[in-house]
Amino acid sequence: MKNNREQIEDLSLWGAEPTINSKLFKNFIYELLDYFPNVNSLMFSTNALLGAELIYNDFFIPLLEYSEKNKRRLTFKL
Protein backbone atom coordinates (compact mmCIF):
# COMPACT_ATOMS: atom_id res chain seq x y z
CA MET A 1 0.00 0.00 0.00
CA LYS A 2 1.28 3.47 -0.89
CA ASN A 3 1.75 6.04 1.83
CA ASN A 4 0.00 9.39 1.49
CA ARG A 5 2.86 11.23 -0.19
CA GLU A 6 3.14 8.50 -2.85
CA GLN A 7 -0.55 8.85 -3.74
CA ILE A 8 -0.34 12.51 -4.74
CA GLU A 9 0.02 12.98 -8.50
CA ASP A 10 -1.07 16.61 -8.97
CA LEU A 11 0.37 19.57 -7.14
CA SER A 12 -1.25 23.03 -7.28
CA LEU A 13 0.30 26.06 -5.62
CA TRP A 14 -1.88 29.10 -5.00
CA GLY A 15 -1.26 32.44 -3.38
CA ALA A 16 1.56 34.93 -3.61
CA GLU A 17 3.51 35.54 -6.79
CA PRO A 18 6.23 32.96 -7.50
CA THR A 19 7.99 35.12 -10.08
CA ILE A 20 8.85 37.82 -7.52
CA ASN A 21 11.34 35.58 -5.69
CA SER A 22 12.29 32.93 -8.20
CA LYS A 23 15.29 31.64 -6.22
CA LEU A 24 13.16 30.85 -3.15
CA PHE A 25 10.42 29.32 -5.30
CA LYS A 26 12.85 27.10 -7.18
CA ASN A 27 14.42 25.73 -3.99
CA PHE A 28 10.98 25.10 -2.51
CA ILE A 29 9.51 23.42 -5.59
CA TYR A 30 12.42 20.99 -5.96
CA GLU A 31 12.00 19.94 -2.33
CA LEU A 32 8.28 19.39 -2.89
CA LEU A 33 8.88 17.36 -6.04
CA ASP A 34 11.46 15.23 -4.25
CA TYR A 35 9.07 14.67 -1.35
CA PHE A 36 6.16 13.70 -3.62
CA PRO A 37 7.78 11.22 -6.01
CA ASN A 38 4.66 10.55 -8.11
CA VAL A 39 3.66 14.12 -8.89
CA ASN A 40 3.32 14.39 -12.65
CA SER A 41 1.35 17.63 -12.92
CA LEU A 42 2.39 20.97 -11.47
CA MET A 43 0.15 24.02 -11.49
CA PHE A 44 0.76 27.49 -10.12
CA SER A 45 -0.80 30.87 -10.63
CA THR A 46 0.99 34.01 -11.75
CA ASN A 47 0.01 37.37 -13.08
CA ALA A 48 3.19 37.29 -15.21
CA LEU A 49 4.28 40.49 -13.52
CA LEU A 50 7.87 40.04 -14.61
CA GLY A 51 7.07 38.78 -18.09
CA ALA A 52 6.61 35.55 -19.97
CA GLU A 53 10.27 35.30 -20.96
CA LEU A 54 11.42 35.29 -17.32
CA ILE A 55 8.80 32.70 -16.40
CA TYR A 56 9.89 30.48 -19.28
CA ASN A 57 13.64 30.83 -18.63
CA ASP A 58 13.61 30.89 -14.82
CA PHE A 59 10.83 28.39 -14.15
CA PHE A 60 9.93 26.07 -16.99
CA ILE A 61 13.38 25.38 -18.41
CA PRO A 62 14.88 24.46 -14.99
CA LEU A 63 11.82 22.36 -14.11
CA LEU A 64 12.06 20.51 -17.41
CA GLU A 65 15.77 19.90 -16.78
CA TYR A 66 14.92 18.66 -13.27
CA SER A 67 12.31 16.27 -14.62
CA GLU A 68 14.68 14.87 -17.28
CA LYS A 69 17.49 14.47 -14.74
CA ASN A 70 15.17 12.60 -12.37
CA LYS A 71 13.47 10.58 -15.11
CA ARG A 72 10.08 12.14 -14.46
CA ARG A 73 7.52 13.45 -16.87
CA LEU A 74 6.00 16.66 -15.56
CA THR A 75 3.20 18.62 -17.15
CA PHE A 76 2.70 22.26 -16.28
CA LYS A 77 -0.43 24.31 -15.91
CA LEU A 78 -0.13 28.03 -15.54
C-alpha atoms as a PDB file:
ATOM      1  CA  MET A   1       0.000   0.000   0.000  1.00  0.00           C
ATOM      2  CA  LYS A   2       1.275   3.466  -0.889  1.00  0.00           C
ATOM      3  CA  ASN A   3       1.752   6.037   1.827  1.00  0.00           C
ATOM      4  CA  ASN A   4       0.003   9.394   1.486  1.00  0.00           C
ATOM      5  CA  ARG A   5       2.858  11.227  -0.186  1.00  0.00           C
ATOM      6  CA  GLU A   6       3.135   8.499  -2.847  1.00  0.00           C
ATOM      7  CA  GLN A   7      -0.545   8.846  -3.743  1.00  0.00           C
ATOM      8  CA  ILE A   8      -0.343  12.509  -4.741  1.00  0.00           C
ATOM      9  CA  GLU A   9       0.024  12.981  -8.501  1.00  0.00           C
ATOM     10  CA  ASP A  10      -1.073  16.606  -8.975  1.00  0.00           C
ATOM     11  CA  LEU A  11       0.367  19.570  -7.142  1.00  0.00           C
ATOM     12  CA  SER A  12      -1.246  23.031  -7.277  1.00  0.00           C
ATOM     13  CA  LEU A  13       0.298  26.056  -5.617  1.00  0.00           C
ATOM     14  CA  TRP A  14      -1.881  29.100  -4.996  1.00  0.00           C
ATOM     15  CA  GLY A  15      -1.262  32.438  -3.375  1.00  0.00           C
ATOM     16  CA  ALA A  16       1.565  34.928  -3.609  1.00  0.00           C
ATOM     17  CA  GLU A  17       3.510  35.542  -6.794  1.00  0.00           C
ATOM     18  CA  PRO A  18       6.229  32.956  -7.500  1.00  0.00           C
ATOM     19  CA  THR A  19       7.994  35.117 -10.084  1.00  0.00           C
ATOM     20  CA  ILE A  20       8.852  37.820  -7.525  1.00  0.00           C
ATOM     21  CA  ASN A  21      11.338  35.579  -5.693  1.00  0.00           C
ATOM     22  CA  SER A  22      12.291  32.927  -8.198  1.00  0.00           C
ATOM     23  CA  LYS A  23      15.293  31.641  -6.219  1.00  0.00           C
ATOM     24  CA  LEU A  24      13.164  30.854  -3.152  1.00  0.00           C
ATOM     25  CA  PHE A  25      10.417  29.324  -5.297  1.00  0.00           C
ATOM     26  CA  LYS A  26      12.852  27.097  -7.179  1.00  0.00           C
ATOM     27  CA  ASN A  27      14.417  25.726  -3.993  1.00  0.00           C
ATOM     28  CA  PHE A  28      10.983  25.097  -2.506  1.00  0.00           C
ATOM     29  CA  ILE A  29       9.510  23.424  -5.589  1.00  0.00           C
ATOM     30  CA  TYR A  30      12.416  20.994  -5.962  1.00  0.00           C
ATOM     31  CA  GLU A  31      12.002  19.942  -2.329  1.00  0.00           C
ATOM     32  CA  LEU A  32       8.283  19.388  -2.892  1.00  0.00           C
ATOM     33  CA  LEU A  33       8.876  17.360  -6.041  1.00  0.00           C
ATOM     34  CA  ASP A  34      11.457  15.227  -4.252  1.00  0.00           C
ATOM     35  CA  TYR A  35       9.071  14.671  -1.347  1.00  0.00           C
ATOM     36  CA  PHE A  36       6.159  13.700  -3.617  1.00  0.00           C
ATOM     37  CA  PRO A  37       7.780  11.219  -6.014  1.00  0.00           C
ATOM     38  CA  ASN A  38       4.664  10.548  -8.108  1.00  0.00           C
ATOM     39  CA  VAL A  39       3.655  14.118  -8.888  1.00  0.00           C
ATOM     40  CA  ASN A  40       3.325  14.391 -12.646  1.00  0.00           C
ATOM     41  CA  SER A  41       1.346  17.633 -12.918  1.00  0.00           C
ATOM     42  CA  LEU A  42       2.391  20.966 -11.475  1.00  0.00           C
ATOM     43  CA  MET A  43       0.145  24.021 -11.486  1.00  0.00           C
ATOM     44  CA  PHE A  44       0.757  27.491 -10.121  1.00  0.00           C
ATOM     45  CA  SER A  45      -0.796  30.873 -10.628  1.00  0.00           C
ATOM     46  CA  THR A  46       0.987  34.010 -11.754  1.00  0.00           C
ATOM     47  CA  ASN A  47       0.010  37.371 -13.081  1.00  0.00           C
ATOM     48  CA  ALA A  48       3.190  37.291 -15.214  1.00  0.00           C
ATOM     49  CA  LEU A  49       4.281  40.495 -13.523  1.00  0.00           C
ATOM     50  CA  LEU A  50       7.873  40.041 -14.612  1.00  0.00           C
ATOM     51  CA  GLY A  51       7.071  38.782 -18.092  1.00  0.00           C
ATOM     52  CA  ALA A  52       6.612  35.549 -19.965  1.00  0.00           C
ATOM     53  CA  GLU A  53      10.271  35.300 -20.958  1.00  0.00           C
ATOM     54  CA  LEU A  54      11.424  35.292 -17.319  1.00  0.00           C
ATOM     55  CA  ILE A  55       8.801  32.697 -16.398  1.00  0.00           C
ATOM     56  CA  TYR A  56       9.891  30.483 -19.283  1.00  0.00           C
ATOM     57  CA  ASN A  57      13.640  30.831 -18.633  1.00  0.00           C
ATOM     58  CA  ASP A  58      13.609  30.887 -14.823  1.00  0.00           C
ATOM     59  CA  PHE A  59      10.829  28.390 -14.152  1.00  0.00           C
ATOM     60  CA  PHE A  60       9.927  26.069 -16.993  1.00  0.00           C
ATOM     61  CA  ILE A  61      13.376  25.376 -18.414  1.00  0.00           C
ATOM     62  CA  PRO A  62      14.880  24.463 -14.991  1.00  0.00           C
ATOM     63  CA  LEU A  63      11.824  22.356 -14.109  1.00  0.00           C
ATOM     64  CA  LEU A  64      12.060  20.510 -17.414  1.00  0.00           C
ATOM     65  CA  GLU A  65      15.767  19.901 -16.779  1.00  0.00           C
ATOM     66  CA  TYR A  66      14.924  18.659 -13.272  1.00  0.00           C
ATOM     67  CA  SER A  67      12.305  16.265 -14.624  1.00  0.00           C
ATOM     68  CA  GLU A  68      14.681  14.875 -17.275  1.00  0.00           C
ATOM     69  CA  LYS A  69      17.495  14.470 -14.743  1.00  0.00           C
ATOM     70  CA  ASN A  70      15.168  12.596 -12.373  1.00  0.00           C
ATOM     71  CA  LYS A  71      13.470  10.576 -15.112  1.00  0.00           C
ATOM     72  CA  ARG A  72      10.080  12.138 -14.459  1.00  0.00           C
ATOM     73  CA  ARG A  73       7.519  13.450 -16.870  1.00  0.00           C
ATOM     74  CA  LEU A  74       5.997  16.658 -15.560  1.00  0.00           C
ATOM     75  CA  THR A  75       3.200  18.616 -17.150  1.00  0.00           C
ATOM     76  CA  PHE A  76       2.697  22.265 -16.282  1.00  0.00           C
ATOM     77  CA  LYS A  77      -0.434  24.314 -15.908  1.00  0.00           C
ATOM     78  CA  LEU A  78      -0.127  28.026 -15.536  1.00  0.00           C
END
